């Protein structure tokens, strides 16, 4: 079974200490090997996800993986490279991350994550989510209170409004859910888990526990 190689995490560790073009160019072969390992793992993970979320069928890893180059045009931090490798597996690929909830796979020494949901959805989508919470609160509560969801994610996460969103009563029974600006499920595995031979199966199990939340967010 395919797994994340130690050399892939080692490359990211070194990049954290040598985040400059000169070093990167000298170690491009190492980067390409790490990139190939990551892409192969993501494709295998997509194949696993398709087993419980058929909407992902036919999706290719390359349409989900983010570039390692940082956009530094408007950033005070001019480090040219990300020190992680990430992929957002969502209907139609990462370009649709502002339209649909999906599955985010991220490896970074000491900061890896298996996450998903809707990150700062645009106004129209956010309004639709809140209206659905108002209409069907039990569906969302069921999704985030399963033993599997609690095991891996604990609780729903995301930035929240300080006050009730426009159009909703501050005394609404589910006002704390309605205040969310993002609806996220986040799990942080340890490096030793990432490098394990069963991490592909483990990642798929975590994302399976997330699917009911994604389904709720995507039905609008």
Protein backbone atom coordinates (compact mmCIF):
# COMPACT_ATOMS: atom_id res chain seq x y z
CA UNK A 1 0.00 0.00 0.00
CA UNK A 2 1.31 3.43 -0.91
CA UNK A 3 2.52 5.64 1.94
CA UNK A 4 4.11 9.01 2.60
CA UNK A 5 7.88 8.52 2.45
CA UNK A 6 10.21 9.72 5.18
CA UNK A 7 12.19 11.53 2.49
CA UNK A 8 9.10 13.61 1.64
CA UNK A 9 8.75 14.89 5.19
CA UNK A 10 12.54 15.32 5.40
CA UNK A 11 12.46 17.55 2.32
CA UNK A 12 9.81 19.78 3.89
CA UNK A 13 11.82 19.94 7.11
CA UNK A 14 14.89 21.12 5.21
CA UNK A 15 12.83 23.59 3.19
CA UNK A 16 11.63 25.19 6.41
CA UNK A 17 15.26 26.03 7.23
CA UNK A 18 16.33 26.90 3.67
CA UNK A 19 13.40 28.73 2.13
CA UNK A 20 15.17 30.38 -0.78
CA UNK A 21 15.40 29.82 -4.52
CA UNK A 22 19.11 28.98 -4.57
CA UNK A 23 18.68 26.09 -2.12
CA UNK A 24 15.48 24.91 -3.81
CA UNK A 25 17.11 24.82 -7.24
CA UNK A 26 20.00 22.74 -5.88
CA UNK A 27 17.50 20.28 -4.36
CA UNK A 28 14.98 20.21 -7.20
CA UNK A 29 15.46 16.46 -7.67
CA UNK A 30 14.49 15.91 -4.03
CA UNK A 31 11.48 18.17 -4.49
CA UNK A 32 10.30 16.31 -7.59
CA UNK A 33 10.57 12.99 -5.74
CA UNK A 34 8.56 14.39 -2.80
CA UNK A 35 6.02 15.88 -5.17
CA UNK A 36 5.59 12.56 -7.00
CA UNK A 37 5.13 10.71 -3.71
CA UNK A 38 2.54 13.22 -2.54
CA UNK A 39 0.62 13.14 -5.83
CA UNK A 40 0.55 9.34 -5.86
CA UNK A 41 -0.75 9.28 -2.29
CA UNK A 42 -3.45 11.86 -3.06
CA UNK A 43 -4.59 9.85 -6.09
CA UNK A 44 -4.79 6.70 -3.99
CA UNK A 45 -6.72 8.62 -1.34
CA UNK A 46 -9.13 9.92 -3.98
CA UNK A 47 -9.74 6.34 -5.03
CA UNK A 48 -10.55 5.46 -1.40
CA UNK A 49 -12.86 8.46 -0.99
CA UNK A 50 -14.76 7.52 -4.15
CA UNK A 51 -15.84 4.37 -2.34
CA UNK A 52 -18.04 6.39 0.04
CA UNK A 53 -18.41 9.64 -1.93
CA UNK A 54 -18.99 8.70 -5.60
CA UNK A 55 -19.15 12.37 -6.66
CA UNK A 56 -15.34 12.29 -6.60
CA UNK A 57 -15.18 9.60 -9.28
CA UNK A 58 -12.84 10.55 -12.11
CA UNK A 59 -11.20 13.39 -10.18
CA UNK A 60 -7.43 13.52 -10.69
CA UNK A 61 -4.91 14.42 -8.01
CA UNK A 62 -3.24 17.07 -10.17
CA UNK A 63 -6.47 19.09 -10.24
CA UNK A 64 -6.58 19.09 -6.42
CA UNK A 65 -2.96 19.78 -5.45
CA UNK A 66 -1.79 23.30 -4.65
CA UNK A 67 1.45 24.71 -6.02
CA UNK A 68 4.37 24.90 -3.62
CA UNK A 69 5.19 28.45 -4.73
CA UNK A 70 3.77 31.17 -2.50
CA UNK A 71 2.03 34.26 -3.81
CA UNK A 72 4.23 36.92 -2.20
CA UNK A 73 2.89 39.96 -4.07
CA UNK A 74 0.93 41.31 -1.10
CA UNK A 75 2.77 39.58 1.74
CA UNK A 76 5.39 40.94 4.12
CA UNK A 77 6.82 37.41 4.24
CA UNK A 78 8.79 37.04 1.00
CA UNK A 79 9.67 33.36 1.51
CA UNK A 80 9.13 31.94 -1.97
CA UNK A 81 7.88 28.47 -1.03
CA UNK A 82 5.24 26.89 1.15
CA UNK A 83 6.63 24.49 3.73
CA UNK A 84 3.75 22.09 3.23
CA UNK A 85 2.08 20.08 0.53
CA UNK A 86 -1.68 20.34 0.30
CA UNK A 87 -4.59 19.14 -1.78
CA UNK A 88 -8.27 20.02 -1.69
CA UNK A 89 -10.36 17.16 -2.97
CA UNK A 90 -13.66 18.66 -4.01
CA UNK A 91 -16.12 18.29 -6.87
CA UNK A 92 -14.41 19.65 -9.99
CA UNK A 93 -11.05 20.14 -8.26
CA UNK A 94 -9.56 22.82 -6.02
CA UNK A 95 -10.84 25.65 -8.24
CA UNK A 96 -14.31 24.91 -6.83
CA UNK A 97 -13.28 25.35 -3.21
CA UNK A 98 -15.51 28.42 -2.97
CA UNK A 99 -18.53 26.49 -4.25
CA UNK A 100 -18.48 23.12 -2.50
CA UNK A 101 -17.33 21.55 0.76
CA UNK A 102 -14.60 18.94 0.34
CA UNK A 103 -11.66 17.13 1.87
CA UNK A 104 -8.34 18.90 2.58
CA UNK A 105 -5.19 16.79 2.87
CA UNK A 106 -2.09 18.59 4.21
CA UNK A 107 1.36 17.35 5.22
CA UNK A 108 3.79 19.59 7.08
CA UNK A 109 6.27 18.59 9.78
CA UNK A 110 4.48 18.95 13.10
CA UNK A 111 1.48 20.68 11.52
CA UNK A 112 -0.22 18.15 9.28
CA UNK A 113 -3.98 18.00 9.03
CA UNK A 114 -6.95 16.15 7.65
CA UNK A 115 -9.63 18.78 7.35
CA UNK A 116 -12.63 19.88 5.38
CA UNK A 117 -15.96 21.59 5.23
CA UNK A 118 -16.51 25.13 3.99
CA UNK A 119 -13.86 27.79 4.60
CA UNK A 120 -15.29 31.33 4.49
CA UNK A 121 -17.99 30.46 1.94
CA UNK A 122 -19.11 33.40 -0.24
CA UNK A 123 -22.18 35.35 0.85
CA UNK A 124 -24.72 33.45 -1.25
CA UNK A 125 -23.50 30.06 -0.08
CA UNK A 126 -23.15 31.21 3.53
CA UNK A 127 -26.71 32.53 3.52
CA UNK A 128 -27.95 29.23 2.11
CA UNK A 129 -26.11 27.30 4.84
CA UNK A 130 -27.62 29.46 7.56
CA UNK A 131 -31.09 29.10 6.11
CA UNK A 132 -30.64 25.35 6.05
CA UNK A 133 -29.51 25.36 9.68
CA UNK A 134 -32.66 27.31 10.50
CA UNK A 135 -34.82 24.82 8.56
CA UNK A 136 -33.02 21.56 9.37
CA UNK A 137 -30.92 21.96 12.53
CA UNK A 138 -31.31 18.29 13.39
CA UNK A 139 -29.49 17.26 10.19
CA UNK A 140 -26.40 19.29 11.04
CA UNK A 141 -26.49 18.26 14.70
CA UNK A 142 -26.62 14.63 13.68
CA UNK A 143 -23.63 15.09 11.36
CA UNK A 144 -21.40 16.69 14.00
CA UNK A 145 -22.46 14.53 16.93
CA UNK A 146 -21.75 11.07 15.57
CA UNK A 147 -19.20 9.07 17.59
CA UNK A 148 -16.90 9.06 14.55
CA UNK A 149 -17.02 12.84 14.09
CA UNK A 150 -16.34 13.45 17.77
CA UNK A 151 -13.51 10.90 17.77
CA UNK A 152 -11.55 12.62 15.02
CA UNK A 153 -12.67 16.26 15.13
CA UNK A 154 -14.15 16.88 18.56
CA UNK A 155 -16.44 19.68 17.44
CA UNK A 156 -17.26 22.00 14.59
CA UNK A 157 -14.67 24.76 14.18
CA UNK A 158 -14.43 28.07 12.38
CA UNK A 159 -14.44 31.83 12.83
CA UNK A 160 -17.70 33.19 14.25
CA UNK A 161 -19.60 36.45 14.32
CA UNK A 162 -19.81 38.20 17.67
CA UNK A 163 -23.48 38.97 17.13
CA UNK A 164 -26.38 37.22 15.44
CA UNK A 165 -26.21 37.31 11.63
CA UNK A 166 -28.58 39.71 9.90
CA UNK A 167 -32.12 38.35 9.73
CA UNK A 168 -31.80 35.96 12.66
CA UNK A 169 -33.10 36.38 16.19
CA UNK A 170 -30.28 36.65 18.78
CA UNK A 171 -32.37 34.32 20.92
CA UNK A 172 -32.51 31.63 18.23
CA UNK A 173 -32.06 28.17 19.76
CA UNK A 174 -29.15 27.46 17.42
CA UNK A 175 -27.66 30.94 17.28
CA UNK A 176 -24.15 29.65 17.99
CA UNK A 177 -24.29 27.49 14.86
CA UNK A 178 -25.70 30.37 12.84
CA UNK A 179 -22.82 32.63 13.91
CA UNK A 180 -20.23 30.49 12.14
CA UNK A 181 -18.52 32.16 9.17
CA UNK A 182 -16.66 28.93 8.34
CA UNK A 183 -17.83 25.38 8.99
CA UNK A 184 -14.74 23.25 9.51
CA UNK A 185 -13.72 19.83 10.72
CA UNK A 186 -10.01 19.63 11.59
CA UNK A 187 -7.90 16.66 12.68
CA UNK A 188 -4.16 16.93 13.35
CA UNK A 189 -2.27 13.63 13.01
CA UNK A 190 1.23 13.14 14.37
CA UNK A 191 4.25 12.82 12.07
CA UNK A 192 4.68 9.19 13.08
CA UNK A 193 1.11 8.50 11.94
CA UNK A 194 1.69 10.20 8.59
CA UNK A 195 4.68 7.96 7.89
CA UNK A 196 2.86 4.78 8.91
CA UNK A 197 1.99 2.08 6.42
CA UNK A 198 -1.71 2.38 7.25
CA UNK A 199 -2.02 6.16 6.85
CA UNK A 200 -3.93 5.85 3.58
CA UNK A 201 -6.62 3.76 5.27
CA UNK A 202 -6.58 6.05 8.31
CA UNK A 203 -7.02 9.20 6.20
CA UNK A 204 -9.94 7.65 4.38
CA UNK A 205 -11.59 6.74 7.71
CA UNK A 206 -11.21 10.32 8.96
CA UNK A 207 -12.72 11.73 5.76
CA UNK A 208 -15.56 9.21 5.88
CA UNK A 209 -16.46 10.61 9.32
CA UNK A 210 -16.52 14.09 7.75
CA UNK A 211 -18.81 13.24 4.83
CA UNK A 212 -22.17 13.90 6.58
CA UNK A 213 -21.00 17.45 7.35
CA UNK A 214 -19.93 17.98 3.74
CA UNK A 215 -23.22 16.59 2.50
CA UNK A 216 -25.14 19.08 4.66
CA UNK A 217 -23.03 22.00 3.43
CA UNK A 218 -23.30 20.98 -0.22
CA UNK A 219 -27.08 20.53 -0.36
CA UNK A 220 -28.10 24.09 -1.10
